[in-house]
PDB file of N, CA and C in Angstrom:
ATOM      1  N   MET A   1     -18.873 -10.428   1.412  1.00  0.00           N
ATOM      2  CA  MET A   1     -17.826 -10.273  -0.018  1.00  0.00           C
ATOM      3  C   MET A   1     -17.917  -8.332   0.013  1.00  0.00           C
ATOM      4  N   ILE A   2     -16.577  -7.753  -0.126  1.00  0.00           N
ATOM      5  CA  ILE A   2     -16.250  -6.639  -0.004  1.00  0.00           C
ATOM      6  C   ILE A   2     -16.762  -5.676  -1.186  1.00  0.00           C
ATOM      7  N   ALA A   3     -17.868  -5.082  -0.685  1.00  0.00           N
ATOM      8  CA  ALA A   3     -18.272  -4.281  -2.080  1.00  0.00           C
ATOM      9  C   ALA A   3     -17.194  -3.485  -2.937  1.00  0.00           C
ATOM     10  N   ILE A   4     -17.219  -3.316  -3.954  1.00  0.00           N
ATOM     11  CA  ILE A   4     -16.149  -2.411  -4.732  1.00  0.00           C
ATOM     12  C   ILE A   4     -16.253  -1.053  -4.390  1.00  0.00           C
ATOM     13  N   GLU A   5     -17.149  -0.428  -4.010  1.00  0.00           N
ATOM     14  CA  GLU A   5     -16.772   0.875  -3.706  1.00  0.00           C
ATOM     15  C   GLU A   5     -16.200   1.453  -2.525  1.00  0.00           C
ATOM     16  N   LYS A   6     -15.569   0.518  -1.279  1.00  0.00           N
ATOM     17  CA  LYS A   6     -14.587   0.310  -0.797  1.00  0.00           C
ATOM     18  C   LYS A   6     -13.268   0.528  -1.257  1.00  0.00           C
ATOM     19  N   PHE A   7     -13.328  -0.454  -2.336  1.00  0.00           N
ATOM     20  CA  PHE A   7     -11.808  -0.107  -3.101  1.00  0.00           C
ATOM     21  C   PHE A   7     -11.733   0.835  -3.749  1.00  0.00           C
ATOM     22  N   LYS A   8     -12.516   1.721  -4.279  1.00  0.00           N
ATOM     23  CA  LYS A   8     -12.646   2.427  -4.854  1.00  0.00           C
ATOM     24  C   LYS A   8     -12.189   4.037  -3.723  1.00  0.00           C
ATOM     25  N   ASN A   9     -12.943   4.061  -2.280  1.00  0.00           N
ATOM     26  CA  ASN A   9     -12.839   5.160  -1.880  1.00  0.00           C
ATOM     27  C   ASN A   9     -11.222   4.639  -0.999  1.00  0.00           C
ATOM     28  N   ALA A  10     -11.107   3.406  -1.104  1.00  0.00           N
ATOM     29  CA  ALA A  10      -9.464   3.370  -0.462  1.00  0.00           C
ATOM     30  C   ALA A  10      -8.378   3.983  -1.558  1.00  0.00           C
ATOM     31  N   ALA A  11      -8.446   3.760  -2.848  1.00  0.00           N
ATOM     32  CA  ALA A  11      -7.837   4.209  -3.893  1.00  0.00           C
ATOM     33  C   ALA A  11      -7.918   5.390  -3.874  1.00  0.00           C
ATOM     34  N   LYS A  12      -9.141   6.768  -3.262  1.00  0.00           N
ATOM     35  CA  LYS A  12      -8.972   7.731  -3.442  1.00  0.00           C
ATOM     36  C   LYS A  12      -8.034   8.251  -2.370  1.00  0.00           C
ATOM     37  N   MET A  13      -8.584   7.676  -1.471  1.00  0.00           N
ATOM     38  CA  MET A  13      -7.359   8.005   0.113  1.00  0.00           C
ATOM     39  C   MET A  13      -6.008   8.249   0.000  1.00  0.00           C
ATOM     40  N   ILE A  14      -5.604   6.954  -0.602  1.00  0.00           N
ATOM     41  CA  ILE A  14      -4.252   7.141  -0.626  1.00  0.00           C
ATOM     42  C   ILE A  14      -3.301   7.146  -2.034  1.00  0.00           C
ATOM     43  N   LYS A  15      -4.443   7.995  -3.319  1.00  0.00           N
ATOM     44  CA  LYS A  15      -3.761   8.711  -4.144  1.00  0.00           C
ATOM     45  C   LYS A  15      -3.246   9.417  -3.848  1.00  0.00           C
ATOM     46  N   GLY A  16      -1.589   9.760  -4.570  1.00  0.00           N
ATOM     47  CA  GLY A  16      -0.595  11.099  -4.264  1.00  0.00           C
ATOM     48  C   GLY A  16       0.324  10.618  -3.368  1.00  0.00           C
ATOM     49  N   ARG A  17      -0.134   9.675  -2.547  1.00  0.00           N
ATOM     50  CA  ARG A  17       0.837   9.023  -1.332  1.00  0.00           C
ATOM     51  C   ARG A  17       1.531   7.822  -1.794  1.00  0.00           C
ATOM     52  N   VAL A  18       0.479   7.375  -2.628  1.00  0.00           N
ATOM     53  CA  VAL A  18       1.954   5.612  -3.143  1.00  0.00           C
ATOM     54  C   VAL A  18       2.170   6.253  -4.369  1.00  0.00           C
ATOM     55  N   ILE A  19       2.657   5.019  -5.111  1.00  0.00           N
ATOM     56  CA  ILE A  19       3.080   5.271  -6.592  1.00  0.00           C
ATOM     57  C   ILE A  19       2.153   4.498  -6.956  1.00  0.00           C
ATOM     58  N   ARG A  20       1.267   4.734  -8.428  1.00  0.00           N
ATOM     59  CA  ARG A  20       0.425   4.034  -9.486  1.00  0.00           C
ATOM     60  C   ARG A  20       1.215   2.734 -10.199  1.00  0.00           C
ATOM     61  N   THR A  21       1.492   1.672  -9.650  1.00  0.00           N
ATOM     62  CA  THR A  21       2.258   0.851 -10.278  1.00  0.00           C
ATOM     63  C   THR A  21       1.552   0.818 -11.398  1.00  0.00           C
ATOM     64  N   PRO A  22       2.682   0.473 -12.767  1.00  0.00           N
ATOM     65  CA  PRO A  22       2.274  -0.603 -13.773  1.00  0.00           C
ATOM     66  C   PRO A  22       2.124  -1.915 -13.622  1.00  0.00           C
ATOM     67  N   LEU A  23       1.001  -2.197 -14.604  1.00  0.00           N
ATOM     68  CA  LEU A  23       0.640  -3.727 -15.013  1.00  0.00           C
ATOM     69  C   LEU A  23       1.663  -4.105 -16.148  1.00  0.00           C
ATOM     70  N   VAL A  24       2.252  -5.388 -16.269  1.00  0.00           N
ATOM     71  CA  VAL A  24       3.224  -5.559 -17.361  1.00  0.00           C
ATOM     72  C   VAL A  24       2.542  -7.337 -17.688  1.00  0.00           C
ATOM     73  N   HIS A  25       2.251  -6.900 -18.421  1.00  0.00           N
ATOM     74  CA  HIS A  25       2.021  -8.305 -19.533  1.00  0.00           C
ATOM     75  C   HIS A  25       3.143  -9.776 -19.285  1.00  0.00           C
ATOM     76  N   SER A  26       3.013 -10.646 -19.114  1.00  0.00           N
ATOM     77  CA  SER A  26       3.887 -11.596 -19.148  1.00  0.00           C
ATOM     78  C   SER A  26       3.457 -12.977 -19.794  1.00  0.00           C
ATOM     79  N   SER A  27       4.406 -12.661 -21.457  1.00  0.00           N
ATOM     80  CA  SER A  27       4.063 -14.038 -22.224  1.00  0.00           C
ATOM     81  C   SER A  27       4.369 -15.341 -21.581  1.00  0.00           C
ATOM     82  N   SER A  28       5.259 -15.250 -20.995  1.00  0.00           N
ATOM     83  CA  SER A  28       6.017 -16.769 -20.729  1.00  0.00           C
ATOM     84  C   SER A  28       4.887 -17.375 -19.504  1.00  0.00           C
ATOM     85  N   LEU A  29       4.195 -16.680 -18.553  1.00  0.00           N
ATOM     86  CA  LEU A  29       3.349 -16.694 -17.527  1.00  0.00           C
ATOM     87  C   LEU A  29       1.775 -17.125 -17.939  1.00  0.00           C
ATOM     88  N   SER A  30       1.858 -16.363 -19.346  1.00  0.00           N
ATOM     89  CA  SER A  30       0.549 -16.420 -19.757  1.00  0.00           C
ATOM     90  C   SER A  30       0.386 -17.652 -20.328  1.00  0.00           C
ATOM     91  N   ARG A  31       1.907 -17.884 -21.514  1.00  0.00           N
ATOM     92  CA  ARG A  31       1.884 -19.461 -21.953  1.00  0.00           C
ATOM     93  C   ARG A  31       1.660 -20.959 -21.116  1.00  0.00           C
ATOM     94  N   MET A  32       2.300 -20.850 -20.149  1.00  0.00           N
ATOM     95  CA  MET A  32       2.756 -21.705 -18.764  1.00  0.00           C
ATOM     96  C   MET A  32       0.701 -22.187 -17.960  1.00  0.00           C
ATOM     97  N   PHE A  33       0.265 -20.990 -18.427  1.00  0.00           N
ATOM     98  CA  PHE A  33      -0.762 -20.997 -17.660  1.00  0.00           C
ATOM     99  C   PHE A  33      -2.150 -21.028 -18.499  1.00  0.00           C
ATOM    100  N   GLY A  34      -2.040 -20.626 -19.488  1.00  0.00           N
ATOM    101  CA  GLY A  34      -3.259 -20.735 -20.385  1.00  0.00           C
ATOM    102  C   GLY A  34      -3.622 -19.747 -20.519  1.00  0.00           C
ATOM    103  N   GLY A  35      -3.730 -18.610 -20.137  1.00  0.00           N
ATOM    104  CA  GLY A  35      -4.386 -17.081 -20.086  1.00  0.00           C
ATOM    105  C   GLY A  35      -3.263 -15.923 -20.042  1.00  0.00           C
ATOM    106  N   GLU A  36      -4.315 -15.154 -19.631  1.00  0.00           N
ATOM    107  CA  GLU A  36      -3.682 -13.180 -20.027  1.00  0.00           C
ATOM    108  C   GLU A  36      -2.741 -13.522 -17.934  1.00  0.00           C
ATOM    109  N   ILE A  37      -1.894 -13.106 -17.782  1.00  0.00           N
ATOM    110  CA  ILE A  37      -0.869 -13.260 -16.593  1.00  0.00           C
ATOM    111  C   ILE A  37      -0.119 -11.598 -17.399  1.00  0.00           C
ATOM    112  N   TYR A  38      -1.098 -10.902 -16.192  1.00  0.00           N
ATOM    113  CA  TYR A  38      -0.123  -9.531 -15.912  1.00  0.00           C
ATOM    114  C   TYR A  38       0.716  -9.252 -14.447  1.00  0.00           C
ATOM    115  N   LEU A  39       0.981  -8.788 -14.454  1.00  0.00           N
ATOM    116  CA  LEU A  39       2.117  -8.615 -13.635  1.00  0.00           C
ATOM    117  C   LEU A  39       2.234  -7.572 -12.455  1.00  0.00           C
ATOM    118  N   LYS A  40       1.687  -6.792 -11.080  1.00  0.00           N
ATOM    119  CA  LYS A  40       1.495  -6.005 -11.171  1.00  0.00           C
ATOM    120  C   LYS A  40       2.622  -4.832  -9.857  1.00  0.00           C
ATOM    121  N   LEU A  41       3.646  -4.158 -10.658  1.00  0.00           N
ATOM    122  CA  LEU A  41       5.320  -3.926 -10.204  1.00  0.00           C
ATOM    123  C   LEU A  41       5.330  -3.320  -8.991  1.00  0.00           C
ATOM    124  N   GLU A  42       4.445  -3.407  -7.584  1.00  0.00           N
ATOM    125  CA  GLU A  42       4.513  -3.250  -6.637  1.00  0.00           C
ATOM    126  C   GLU A  42       5.982  -2.864  -6.144  1.00  0.00           C
ATOM    127  N   ASN A  43       7.057  -3.614  -6.410  1.00  0.00           N
ATOM    128  CA  ASN A  43       8.355  -3.442  -5.998  1.00  0.00           C
ATOM    129  C   ASN A  43       9.201  -2.092  -6.411  1.00  0.00           C
ATOM    130  N   LEU A  44       8.385  -1.218  -7.183  1.00  0.00           N
ATOM    131  CA  LEU A  44       8.897  -0.153  -7.450  1.00  0.00           C
ATOM    132  C   LEU A  44       8.041   0.963  -6.827  1.00  0.00           C
ATOM    133  N   GLN A  45       7.571   0.560  -5.699  1.00  0.00           N
ATOM    134  CA  GLN A  45       6.818   1.585  -4.953  1.00  0.00           C
ATOM    135  C   GLN A  45       8.436   2.363  -3.869  1.00  0.00           C
ATOM    136  N   LYS A  46       8.278   3.256  -3.147  1.00  0.00           N
ATOM    137  CA  LYS A  46       9.190   3.784  -2.336  1.00  0.00           C
ATOM    138  C   LYS A  46       9.873   2.640  -1.400  1.00  0.00           C
ATOM    139  N   THR A  47       8.900   1.820  -0.756  1.00  0.00           N
ATOM    140  CA  THR A  47       9.457   0.974   0.455  1.00  0.00           C
ATOM    141  C   THR A  47       9.694  -0.574  -0.307  1.00  0.00           C
ATOM    142  N   GLY A  48       8.973  -0.508  -1.841  1.00  0.00           N
ATOM    143  CA  GLY A  48       9.911  -1.881  -2.554  1.00  0.00           C
ATOM    144  C   GLY A  48       8.822  -2.940  -1.831  1.00  0.00           C
ATOM    145  N   SER A  49       7.518  -2.754  -1.751  1.00  0.00           N
ATOM    146  CA  SER A  49       6.833  -3.490  -1.422  1.00  0.00           C
ATOM    147  C   SER A  49       4.905  -2.810  -1.295  1.00  0.00           C
ATOM    148  N   PHE A  50       4.420  -3.782  -1.434  1.00  0.00           N
ATOM    149  CA  PHE A  50       2.731  -3.357  -1.867  1.00  0.00           C
ATOM    150  C   PHE A  50       2.136  -2.597  -0.138  1.00  0.00           C
ATOM    151  N   LYS A  51       3.250  -2.890   0.635  1.00  0.00           N
ATOM    152  CA  LYS A  51       2.625  -2.683   2.293  1.00  0.00           C
ATOM    153  C   LYS A  51       2.309  -1.129   2.102  1.00  0.00           C
ATOM    154  N   ILE A  52       2.930  -0.364   1.737  1.00  0.00           N
ATOM    155  CA  ILE A  52       2.627   0.947   1.755  1.00  0.00           C
ATOM    156  C   ILE A  52       0.939   1.096   1.875  1.00  0.00           C
ATOM    157  N   ARG A  53       0.568   0.566   0.881  1.00  0.00           N
ATOM    158  CA  ARG A  53      -0.772   0.928   0.867  1.00  0.00           C
ATOM    159  C   ARG A  53      -1.670   0.803   1.760  1.00  0.00           C
ATOM    160  N   GLY A  54      -1.670  -0.264   2.131  1.00  0.00           N
ATOM    161  CA  GLY A  54      -2.743  -0.357   4.131  1.00  0.00           C
ATOM    162  C   GLY A  54      -2.208  -0.265   4.921  1.00  0.00           C
ATOM    163  N   ALA A  55      -1.051   0.372   4.853  1.00  0.00           N
ATOM    164  CA  ALA A  55      -0.672   1.104   6.002  1.00  0.00           C
ATOM    165  C   ALA A  55      -1.124   3.035   5.839  1.00  0.00           C
ATOM    166  N   THR A  56      -0.874   3.430   4.602  1.00  0.00           N
ATOM    167  CA  THR A  56      -1.589   4.522   4.181  1.00  0.00           C
ATOM    168  C   THR A  56      -2.822   4.225   4.179  1.00  0.00           C
ATOM    169  N   TYR A  57      -3.237   3.621   4.198  1.00  0.00           N
ATOM    170  CA  TYR A  57      -4.973   3.788   4.385  1.00  0.00           C
ATOM    171  C   TYR A  57      -6.134   3.739   5.598  1.00  0.00           C
ATOM    172  N   THR A  58      -4.916   2.996   6.663  1.00  0.00           N
ATOM    173  CA  THR A  58      -5.152   2.676   8.063  1.00  0.00           C
ATOM    174  C   THR A  58      -4.567   3.898   8.699  1.00  0.00           C
ATOM    175  N   ILE A  59      -3.768   4.323   8.111  1.00  0.00           N
ATOM    176  CA  ILE A  59      -3.158   5.598   8.648  1.00  0.00           C
ATOM    177  C   ILE A  59      -4.345   7.074   8.836  1.00  0.00           C
ATOM    178  N   MET A  60      -4.934   6.772   7.561  1.00  0.00           N
ATOM    179  CA  MET A  60      -5.637   8.057   6.818  1.00  0.00           C
ATOM    180  C   MET A  60      -6.864   7.751   7.472  1.00  0.00           C
ATOM    181  N   VAL A  61      -7.353   6.511   7.721  1.00  0.00           N
ATOM    182  CA  VAL A  61      -9.099   6.240   7.923  1.00  0.00           C
ATOM    183  C   VAL A  61      -8.947   6.660   9.455  1.00  0.00           C
ATOM    184  N   ASN A  62      -8.115   6.449  10.088  1.00  0.00           N
ATOM    185  CA  ASN A  62      -7.799   6.619  11.826  1.00  0.00           C
ATOM    186  C   ASN A  62      -7.087   7.673  12.212  1.00  0.00           C
ATOM    187  N   ARG A  63      -6.481   8.491  10.773  1.00  0.00           N
ATOM    188  CA  ARG A  63      -5.874   9.927  11.498  1.00  0.00           C
ATOM    189  C   ARG A  63      -6.424  10.594  12.679  1.00  0.00           C
ATOM    190  N   ALA A  64      -7.834  10.632  12.846  1.00  0.00           N
ATOM    191  CA  ALA A  64      -8.242  11.671  13.880  1.00  0.00           C
ATOM    192  C   ALA A  64      -8.432  10.928  15.463  1.00  0.00           C
ATOM    193  N   ASN A  65      -8.010   9.452  15.413  1.00  0.00           N
ATOM    194  CA  ASN A  65      -8.200   8.913  16.472  1.00  0.00           C
ATOM    195  C   ASN A  65      -6.710   8.414  16.948  1.00  0.00           C
ATOM    196  N   ILE A  66      -5.703   9.213  16.358  1.00  0.00           N
ATOM    197  CA  ILE A  66      -4.146   8.929  16.247  1.00  0.00           C
ATOM    198  C   ILE A  66      -3.475   9.641  17.603  1.00  0.00           C
ATOM    199  N   GLY A  67      -3.292   9.565  18.832  1.00  0.00           N
ATOM    200  CA  GLY A  67      -2.784  10.280  19.521  1.00  0.00           C
ATOM    201  C   GLY A  67      -1.723  10.742  19.251  1.00  0.00           C
ATOM    202  N   PRO A  68      -0.584  11.846  20.210  1.00  0.00           N
ATOM    203  CA  PRO A  68       0.437  12.431  19.836  1.00  0.00           C
ATOM    204  C   PRO A  68       1.863  10.988  20.001  1.00  0.00           C
ATOM    205  N   GLY A  69       1.445  10.051  20.666  1.00  0.00           N
ATOM    206  CA  GLY A  69       2.541   8.791  20.492  1.00  0.00           C
ATOM    207  C   GLY A  69       2.677   8.410  19.278  1.00  0.00           C
ATOM    208  N   GLY A  70       1.798   8.739  18.250  1.00  0.00           N
ATOM    209  CA  GLY A  70       1.926   8.089  17.021  1.00  0.00           C
ATOM    210  C   GLY A  70       1.411   6.818  16.816  1.00  0.00           C
ATOM    211  N   VAL A  71       1.857   6.421  15.781  1.00  0.00           N
ATOM    212  CA  VAL A  71       1.673   4.794  15.941  1.00  0.00           C
ATOM    213  C   VAL A  71       3.021   3.815  16.006  1.00  0.00           C
ATOM    214  N   VAL A  72       2.578   2.393  16.015  1.00  0.00           N
ATOM    215  CA  VAL A  72       3.560   1.659  16.518  1.00  0.00           C
ATOM    216  C   VAL A  72       3.321  -0.093  14.908  1.00  0.00           C
ATOM    217  N   ALA A  73       4.399  -0.127  14.951  1.00  0.00           N
ATOM    218  CA  ALA A  73       3.933  -1.230  14.032  1.00  0.00           C
ATOM    219  C   ALA A  73       5.265  -2.273  14.654  1.00  0.00           C
ATOM    220  N   ALA A  74       4.316  -3.607  14.252  1.00  0.00           N
ATOM    221  CA  ALA A  74       5.865  -4.789  15.451  1.00  0.00           C
ATOM    222  C   ALA A  74       5.779  -5.410  14.105  1.00  0.00           C
ATOM    223  N   SER A  75       6.749  -5.031  13.412  1.00  0.00           N
ATOM    224  CA  SER A  75       7.598  -5.699  11.985  1.00  0.00           C
ATOM    225  C   SER A  75       8.707  -5.314  11.979  1.00  0.00           C
ATOM    226  N   ALA A  76       9.922  -5.568  11.783  1.00  0.00           N
ATOM    227  CA  ALA A  76      10.984  -5.194  11.154  1.00  0.00           C
ATOM    228  C   ALA A  76      11.549  -5.440   9.545  1.00  0.00           C
ATOM    229  N   GLY A  77       9.856  -5.402   9.095  1.00  0.00           N
ATOM    230  CA  GLY A  77       9.871  -6.209   7.494  1.00  0.00           C
ATOM    231  C   GLY A  77       9.668  -4.947   6.489  1.00  0.00           C
ATOM    232  N   ASN A  78       8.931  -5.361   5.579  1.00  0.00           N
ATOM    233  CA  ASN A  78       8.552  -4.544   4.561  1.00  0.00           C
ATOM    234  C   ASN A  78       7.299  -3.590   4.942  1.00  0.00           C
ATOM    235  N   HIS A  79       6.234  -4.089   6.575  1.00  0.00           N
ATOM    236  CA  HIS A  79       5.201  -3.444   6.499  1.00  0.00           C
ATOM    237  C   HIS A  79       5.157  -2.384   7.616  1.00  0.00           C
ATOM    238  N   ALA A  80       6.625  -2.420   8.693  1.00  0.00           N
ATOM    239  CA  ALA A  80       7.447  -1.560   9.287  1.00  0.00           C
ATOM    240  C   ALA A  80       7.570  -0.312   8.111  1.00  0.00           C
ATOM    241  N   GLN A  81       8.367  -0.491   6.992  1.00  0.00           N
ATOM    242  CA  GLN A  81       8.854   0.381   5.948  1.00  0.00           C
ATOM    243  C   GLN A  81       7.641   1.075   5.322  1.00  0.00           C
ATOM    244  N   GLY A  82       6.479   0.070   5.112  1.00  0.00           N
ATOM    245  CA  GLY A  82       5.356   1.168   4.919  1.00  0.00           C
ATOM    246  C   GLY A  82       4.832   1.684   5.748  1.00  0.00           C
ATOM    247  N   VAL A  83       4.923   1.392   7.214  1.00  0.00           N
ATOM    248  CA  VAL A  83       3.911   2.449   8.455  1.00  0.00           C
ATOM    249  C   VAL A  83       4.845   3.532   8.830  1.00  0.00           C
ATOM    250  N   ALA A  84       6.331   3.295   8.774  1.00  0.00           N
ATOM    251  CA  ALA A  84       6.823   4.514   8.995  1.00  0.00           C
ATOM    252  C   ALA A  84       6.914   5.048   7.918  1.00  0.00           C
ATOM    253  N   LEU A  85       6.498   5.373   6.674  1.00  0.00           N
ATOM    254  CA  LEU A  85       6.542   5.912   5.395  1.00  0.00           C
ATOM    255  C   LEU A  85       5.507   6.691   5.292  1.00  0.00           C
ATOM    256  N   ALA A  86       4.530   5.950   5.965  1.00  0.00           N
ATOM    257  CA  ALA A  86       2.818   6.554   5.996  1.00  0.00           C
ATOM    258  C   ALA A  86       2.685   7.323   6.733  1.00  0.00           C
ATOM    259  N   ALA A  87       3.597   6.763   8.037  1.00  0.00           N
ATOM    260  CA  ALA A  87       3.275   8.237   9.295  1.00  0.00           C
ATOM    261  C   ALA A  87       4.122   9.070   9.061  1.00  0.00           C
ATOM    262  N   SER A  88       5.261   9.448   8.269  1.00  0.00           N
ATOM    263  CA  SER A  88       6.266  10.458   7.912  1.00  0.00           C
ATOM    264  C   SER A  88       5.133  11.060   7.050  1.00  0.00           C
ATOM    265  N   GLN A  89       4.398  10.683   5.892  1.00  0.00           N
ATOM    266  CA  GLN A  89       3.459  11.402   5.413  1.00  0.00           C
ATOM    267  C   GLN A  89       2.079  12.455   5.707  1.00  0.00           C
ATOM    268  N   ALA A  90       2.194  11.693   6.846  1.00  0.00           N
ATOM    269  CA  ALA A  90       0.812  12.282   7.588  1.00  0.00           C
ATOM    270  C   ALA A  90       1.341  13.149   8.917  1.00  0.00           C
ATOM    271  N   GLN A  91       2.790  13.282   8.789  1.00  0.00           N
ATOM    272  CA  GLN A  91       3.217  14.048   9.922  1.00  0.00           C
ATOM    273  C   GLN A  91       2.469  13.249  11.430  1.00  0.00           C
ATOM    274  N   LEU A  92       3.187  11.988  10.923  1.00  0.00           N
ATOM    275  CA  LEU A  92       2.666  11.166  12.625  1.00  0.00           C
ATOM    276  C   LEU A  92       4.545  10.148  13.426  1.00  0.00           C
ATOM    277  N   PRO A  93       4.489  10.708  14.292  1.00  0.00           N
ATOM    278  CA  PRO A  93       5.777   9.760  15.084  1.00  0.00           C
ATOM    279  C   PRO A  93       5.228   8.043  14.577  1.00  0.00           C
ATOM    280  N   ALA A  94       6.163   7.314  14.542  1.00  0.00           N
ATOM    281  CA  ALA A  94       6.031   5.647  14.047  1.00  0.00           C
ATOM    282  C   ALA A  94       7.397   4.847  15.122  1.00  0.00           C
ATOM    283  N   THR A  95       6.970   4.085  15.269  1.00  0.00           N
ATOM    284  CA  THR A  95       7.807   3.088  16.567  1.00  0.00           C
ATOM    285  C   THR A  95       7.434   1.621  15.743  1.00  0.00           C
TER     286      THR A  95
END
């Protein structure tokens, strides 16, 4: 199990680099599943996906170990967009 402190630390590291997206209550899903259902609107991120969070955190944690060649993402989708934006924010090249 991952300790809550690790999540709190990650949140501090990415603060200001990703959008703090809202939670929206879904009445229809709550009725359907018999519990309170909230939707996290990660589609509001600059890249349209939550993938920017992991990319930003990973680049920030490893910043001192990233060489002049920058970072590489083996993706053509949301992960690649997240890595590209996170690298740009860290002033690193990305491929």
